[in-house]
Amino acid sequence: MSVFDEEKYFHTQLVKHGVNYNLAATAAKVIASGKSDELLTPEEIRLATEACKEWSKQRQRLERVNSLSNM
């Protein structure tokens, strides 16, 4: 998968789970770049971490809702 395709995929997944569009775009670019943490700026690390935390929180919420609706 090309870097562009990876970036598009990550962006779609982040937005799909409730992450702000612009934050998701920035985070997707950082994640798809494949750079090690040492090569990222503190701001890039902060934005990617923030987006991933929001994605995780929303995904867990969705899983809980789905498990309740299957009861």
Protein backbone atom coordinates (compact mmCIF):
# COMPACT_ATOMS: atom_id res chain seq x y z
CA MET A 1 0.00 0.00 0.00
CA SER A 2 1.38 3.42 -0.90
CA VAL A 3 1.87 6.16 1.70
CA PHE A 4 -1.01 8.08 0.08
CA ASP A 5 -3.32 5.06 0.36
CA GLU A 6 -2.29 4.48 3.98
CA GLU A 7 -2.91 8.15 4.79
CA LYS A 8 -6.34 7.98 3.16
CA TYR A 9 -7.19 4.79 5.04
CA PHE A 10 -6.14 6.15 8.45
CA HIS A 11 -7.97 9.41 7.80
CA THR A 12 -11.17 7.56 6.90
CA GLN A 13 -10.98 5.35 9.98
CA LEU A 14 -10.35 8.26 12.33
CA VAL A 15 -13.20 10.36 10.92
CA LYS A 16 -15.51 7.33 10.85
CA HIS A 17 -15.05 7.03 14.61
CA GLY A 18 -15.71 10.66 15.43
CA VAL A 19 -12.31 12.35 15.23
CA ASN A 20 -12.39 15.93 13.93
CA TYR A 21 -11.75 15.99 10.16
CA ASN A 22 -8.72 18.31 10.30
CA LEU A 23 -7.17 16.56 13.29
CA ALA A 24 -7.70 13.23 11.55
CA ALA A 25 -5.98 14.53 8.40
CA THR A 26 -2.92 15.67 10.33
CA ALA A 27 -2.74 12.49 12.40
CA ALA A 28 -3.18 10.28 9.34
CA LYS A 29 -0.29 12.04 7.63
CA VAL A 30 1.93 11.51 10.68
CA ILE A 31 0.94 7.86 11.11
CA ALA A 32 1.31 7.02 7.41
CA SER A 33 4.72 8.69 7.22
CA GLY A 34 6.21 5.79 9.14
CA LYS A 35 8.70 8.10 10.87
CA SER A 36 10.04 7.05 14.23
CA ASP A 37 9.11 9.19 17.22
CA GLU A 38 12.60 10.67 17.27
CA LEU A 39 12.00 12.22 13.84
CA LEU A 40 8.60 13.70 14.70
CA THR A 41 8.06 17.11 16.23
CA PRO A 42 6.45 17.30 19.66
CA GLU A 43 3.39 18.85 17.98
CA GLU A 44 3.08 15.94 15.53
CA ILE A 45 3.31 13.46 18.40
CA ARG A 46 0.71 15.39 20.41
CA LEU A 47 -1.76 15.59 17.50
CA ALA A 48 -1.38 11.94 16.54
CA THR A 49 -1.78 10.86 20.18
CA GLU A 50 -4.84 13.05 20.64
CA ALA A 51 -6.48 11.67 17.48
CA CYS A 52 -5.73 8.07 18.43
CA LYS A 53 -7.10 8.53 21.96
CA GLU A 54 -10.31 10.03 20.57
CA TRP A 55 -10.58 7.19 18.02
CA SER A 56 -10.13 4.60 20.77
CA LYS A 57 -12.66 6.27 23.07
CA GLN A 58 -15.29 6.48 20.32
CA ARG A 59 -14.64 2.94 19.13
CA GLN A 60 -15.07 1.54 22.65
CA ARG A 61 -18.28 3.54 23.03
CA LEU A 62 -19.60 2.10 19.76
CA GLU A 63 -18.70 -1.44 20.84
CA ARG A 64 -20.58 -0.96 24.13
CA VAL A 65 -23.64 0.35 22.29
CA ASN A 66 -23.53 -2.56 19.86
CA SER A 67 -23.17 -5.12 22.65
CA LEU A 68 -26.18 -3.61 24.47
CA SER A 69 -28.30 -3.66 21.34
CA ASN A 70 -27.53 -7.37 20.82
CA MET A 71 -28.94 -8.31 24.22
